[in-house]
Amino acid sequence: MQQLADLAADAEARPRRPVPRLGDYAVGDQVEVTGNDLVALARAGELDPDRQDRAVELLRDLRLALP
């Protein structure tokens, strides 16, 4: 989650903030929030292709890590 949040912060040129560890059952919500930030940036044309590729890679790795 932290890396997704950092990608969005960097794309918006704002400070990075720590993503709290809320527990296993909150992971889906955290992915939704950080993912929505990145999707909004991509739709607005504010997320460069390298960051888009990195976000896809991170989400794929997260999915593969799930049981």
N, C-alpha and C. Protein backbone atom coordinates (compact mmCIF):
# COMPACT_ATOMS: atom_id res chain seq x y z
N MET A 1 0.81 -1.19 0.00
CA MET A 1 0.00 0.00 0.00
C MET A 1 0.86 1.25 0.00
N GLN A 2 1.92 1.21 0.78
CA GLN A 2 2.75 2.41 0.89
C GLN A 2 3.30 2.82 -0.46
N GLN A 3 3.73 1.86 -1.25
CA GLN A 3 4.30 2.20 -2.55
C GLN A 3 3.26 2.80 -3.49
N LEU A 4 2.03 2.32 -3.42
CA LEU A 4 0.96 2.91 -4.24
C LEU A 4 0.68 4.35 -3.81
N ALA A 5 0.62 4.56 -2.51
CA ALA A 5 0.39 5.91 -1.99
C ALA A 5 1.54 6.83 -2.37
N ASP A 6 2.77 6.32 -2.32
CA ASP A 6 3.93 7.13 -2.69
C ASP A 6 3.90 7.51 -4.17
N LEU A 7 3.48 6.58 -5.02
CA LEU A 7 3.36 6.89 -6.45
C LEU A 7 2.39 8.06 -6.68
N ALA A 8 1.26 8.01 -6.02
CA ALA A 8 0.27 9.09 -6.17
C ALA A 8 0.81 10.41 -5.63
N ALA A 9 1.46 10.36 -4.47
CA ALA A 9 2.01 11.58 -3.88
C ALA A 9 3.07 12.19 -4.80
N ASP A 10 3.95 11.34 -5.33
CA ASP A 10 4.99 11.84 -6.22
C ASP A 10 4.39 12.45 -7.48
N ALA A 11 3.38 11.81 -8.04
CA ALA A 11 2.74 12.31 -9.26
C ALA A 11 2.08 13.67 -9.03
N GLU A 12 1.61 13.89 -7.82
CA GLU A 12 0.95 15.16 -7.49
C GLU A 12 1.91 16.17 -6.87
N ALA A 13 3.18 15.78 -6.76
CA ALA A 13 4.21 16.65 -6.16
C ALA A 13 3.81 17.10 -4.76
N ARG A 14 3.30 16.15 -4.00
CA ARG A 14 2.96 16.46 -2.60
C ARG A 14 3.77 15.54 -1.69
N PRO A 15 3.87 15.89 -0.43
CA PRO A 15 4.68 15.07 0.49
C PRO A 15 4.11 13.66 0.65
N ARG A 16 5.01 12.72 0.80
CA ARG A 16 4.59 11.35 1.10
C ARG A 16 4.14 11.26 2.55
N ARG A 17 3.10 10.48 2.78
CA ARG A 17 2.61 10.26 4.14
C ARG A 17 2.53 8.76 4.39
N PRO A 18 2.80 8.34 5.61
CA PRO A 18 2.75 6.90 5.89
C PRO A 18 1.32 6.37 5.84
N VAL A 19 1.19 5.18 5.26
CA VAL A 19 -0.10 4.48 5.25
C VAL A 19 -0.13 3.62 6.52
N PRO A 20 -1.12 3.81 7.35
CA PRO A 20 -1.16 3.05 8.62
C PRO A 20 -1.43 1.57 8.39
N ARG A 21 -0.89 0.76 9.27
CA ARG A 21 -1.15 -0.68 9.25
C ARG A 21 -2.43 -0.90 10.05
N LEU A 22 -3.52 -1.22 9.35
CA LEU A 22 -4.83 -1.34 9.99
C LEU A 22 -5.26 -2.78 10.22
N GLY A 23 -4.55 -3.71 9.66
CA GLY A 23 -4.93 -5.10 9.82
C GLY A 23 -5.31 -5.72 8.49
N ASP A 24 -5.32 -7.02 8.47
CA ASP A 24 -5.56 -7.75 7.23
C ASP A 24 -6.91 -7.45 6.59
N TYR A 25 -7.92 -7.22 7.39
CA TYR A 25 -9.26 -7.01 6.84
C TYR A 25 -9.45 -5.62 6.23
N ALA A 26 -8.50 -4.72 6.46
CA ALA A 26 -8.59 -3.37 5.91
C ALA A 26 -7.80 -3.22 4.62
N VAL A 27 -7.06 -4.24 4.23
CA VAL A 27 -6.21 -4.14 3.04
C VAL A 27 -7.03 -3.78 1.80
N GLY A 28 -8.16 -4.40 1.63
CA GLY A 28 -9.00 -4.11 0.46
C GLY A 28 -9.39 -2.65 0.39
N ASP A 29 -9.75 -2.08 1.53
CA ASP A 29 -10.13 -0.66 1.57
C ASP A 29 -8.93 0.22 1.25
N GLN A 30 -7.76 -0.15 1.76
CA GLN A 30 -6.57 0.65 1.48
C GLN A 30 -6.18 0.57 0.01
N VAL A 31 -6.33 -0.59 -0.59
CA VAL A 31 -6.05 -0.73 -2.03
C VAL A 31 -7.04 0.13 -2.81
N GLU A 32 -8.29 0.12 -2.40
CA GLU A 32 -9.31 0.92 -3.09
C GLU A 32 -8.97 2.41 -3.05
N VAL A 33 -8.60 2.90 -1.89
CA VAL A 33 -8.30 4.33 -1.76
C VAL A 33 -7.06 4.72 -2.56
N THR A 34 -5.98 3.97 -2.37
CA THR A 34 -4.75 4.32 -3.09
C THR A 34 -4.92 4.08 -4.59
N GLY A 35 -5.62 3.03 -4.96
CA GLY A 35 -5.86 2.75 -6.37
C GLY A 35 -6.72 3.80 -7.03
N ASN A 36 -7.76 4.25 -6.34
CA ASN A 36 -8.62 5.30 -6.89
C ASN A 36 -7.85 6.60 -7.12
N ASP A 37 -6.93 6.91 -6.22
CA ASP A 37 -6.09 8.10 -6.40
C ASP A 37 -5.29 7.98 -7.69
N LEU A 38 -4.70 6.82 -7.92
CA LEU A 38 -3.89 6.61 -9.11
C LEU A 38 -4.74 6.61 -10.39
N VAL A 39 -5.91 6.00 -10.33
CA VAL A 39 -6.79 5.98 -11.50
C VAL A 39 -7.24 7.39 -11.85
N ALA A 40 -7.57 8.18 -10.85
CA ALA A 40 -7.98 9.57 -11.10
C ALA A 40 -6.85 10.36 -11.75
N LEU A 41 -5.64 10.16 -11.29
CA LEU A 41 -4.50 10.84 -11.89
C LEU A 41 -4.28 10.39 -13.33
N ALA A 42 -4.41 9.09 -13.58
CA ALA A 42 -4.22 8.56 -14.93
C ALA A 42 -5.29 9.12 -15.88
N ARG A 43 -6.52 9.16 -15.43
CA ARG A 43 -7.61 9.68 -16.27
C ARG A 43 -7.43 11.16 -16.59
N ALA A 44 -6.81 11.87 -15.65
CA ALA A 44 -6.58 13.30 -15.86
C ALA A 44 -5.30 13.56 -16.66
N GLY A 45 -4.60 12.49 -17.02
CA GLY A 45 -3.36 12.63 -17.77
C GLY A 45 -2.19 13.09 -16.93
N GLU A 46 -2.30 12.91 -15.62
CA GLU A 46 -1.26 13.39 -14.70
C GLU A 46 -0.38 12.27 -14.15
N LEU A 47 -0.52 11.07 -14.69
CA LEU A 47 0.28 9.94 -14.24
C LEU A 47 1.08 9.43 -15.43
N ASP A 48 2.38 9.62 -15.36
CA ASP A 48 3.22 9.26 -16.50
C ASP A 48 3.24 7.74 -16.70
N PRO A 49 3.58 7.30 -17.89
CA PRO A 49 3.55 5.86 -18.20
C PRO A 49 4.41 5.00 -17.28
N ASP A 50 5.54 5.52 -16.86
CA ASP A 50 6.40 4.74 -15.96
C ASP A 50 5.70 4.49 -14.62
N ARG A 51 5.04 5.50 -14.10
CA ARG A 51 4.30 5.33 -12.84
C ARG A 51 3.10 4.42 -13.03
N GLN A 52 2.45 4.52 -14.17
CA GLN A 52 1.33 3.61 -14.46
C GLN A 52 1.80 2.18 -14.48
N ASP A 53 2.91 1.94 -15.16
CA ASP A 53 3.46 0.58 -15.22
C ASP A 53 3.84 0.08 -13.84
N ARG A 54 4.42 0.95 -13.04
CA ARG A 54 4.81 0.56 -11.68
C ARG A 54 3.58 0.23 -10.84
N ALA A 55 2.52 1.00 -10.97
CA ALA A 55 1.29 0.73 -10.22
C ALA A 55 0.71 -0.62 -10.60
N VAL A 56 0.68 -0.92 -11.89
CA VAL A 56 0.17 -2.21 -12.34
C VAL A 56 1.03 -3.34 -11.78
N GLU A 57 2.33 -3.16 -11.80
CA GLU A 57 3.25 -4.16 -11.26
C GLU A 57 3.00 -4.40 -9.77
N LEU A 58 2.85 -3.32 -9.02
CA LEU A 58 2.60 -3.44 -7.58
C LEU A 58 1.28 -4.15 -7.29
N LEU A 59 0.24 -3.80 -8.04
CA LEU A 59 -1.05 -4.44 -7.83
C LEU A 59 -1.02 -5.92 -8.22
N ARG A 60 -0.31 -6.24 -9.29
CA ARG A 60 -0.16 -7.63 -9.69
C ARG A 60 0.60 -8.42 -8.60
N ASP A 61 1.67 -7.86 -8.09
CA ASP A 61 2.43 -8.52 -7.04
C ASP A 61 1.60 -8.72 -5.78
N LEU A 62 0.79 -7.71 -5.45
CA LEU A 62 -0.09 -7.83 -4.29
C LEU A 62 -1.09 -8.96 -4.50
N ARG A 63 -1.69 -9.01 -5.67
CA ARG A 63 -2.67 -10.07 -5.97
C ARG A 63 -2.03 -11.45 -5.88
N LEU A 64 -0.84 -11.59 -6.40
CA LEU A 64 -0.15 -12.88 -6.38
C LEU A 64 0.27 -13.29 -4.96
N ALA A 65 0.41 -12.32 -4.08
CA ALA A 65 0.79 -12.62 -2.70
C ALA A 65 -0.39 -13.07 -1.84
N LEU A 66 -1.60 -12.83 -2.34
CA LEU A 66 -2.79 -13.23 -1.57
C LEU A 66 -3.00 -14.74 -1.66
N PRO A 67 -3.51 -15.32 -0.57
CA PRO A 67 -3.73 -16.78 -0.60
C PRO A 67 -4.87 -17.18 -1.54
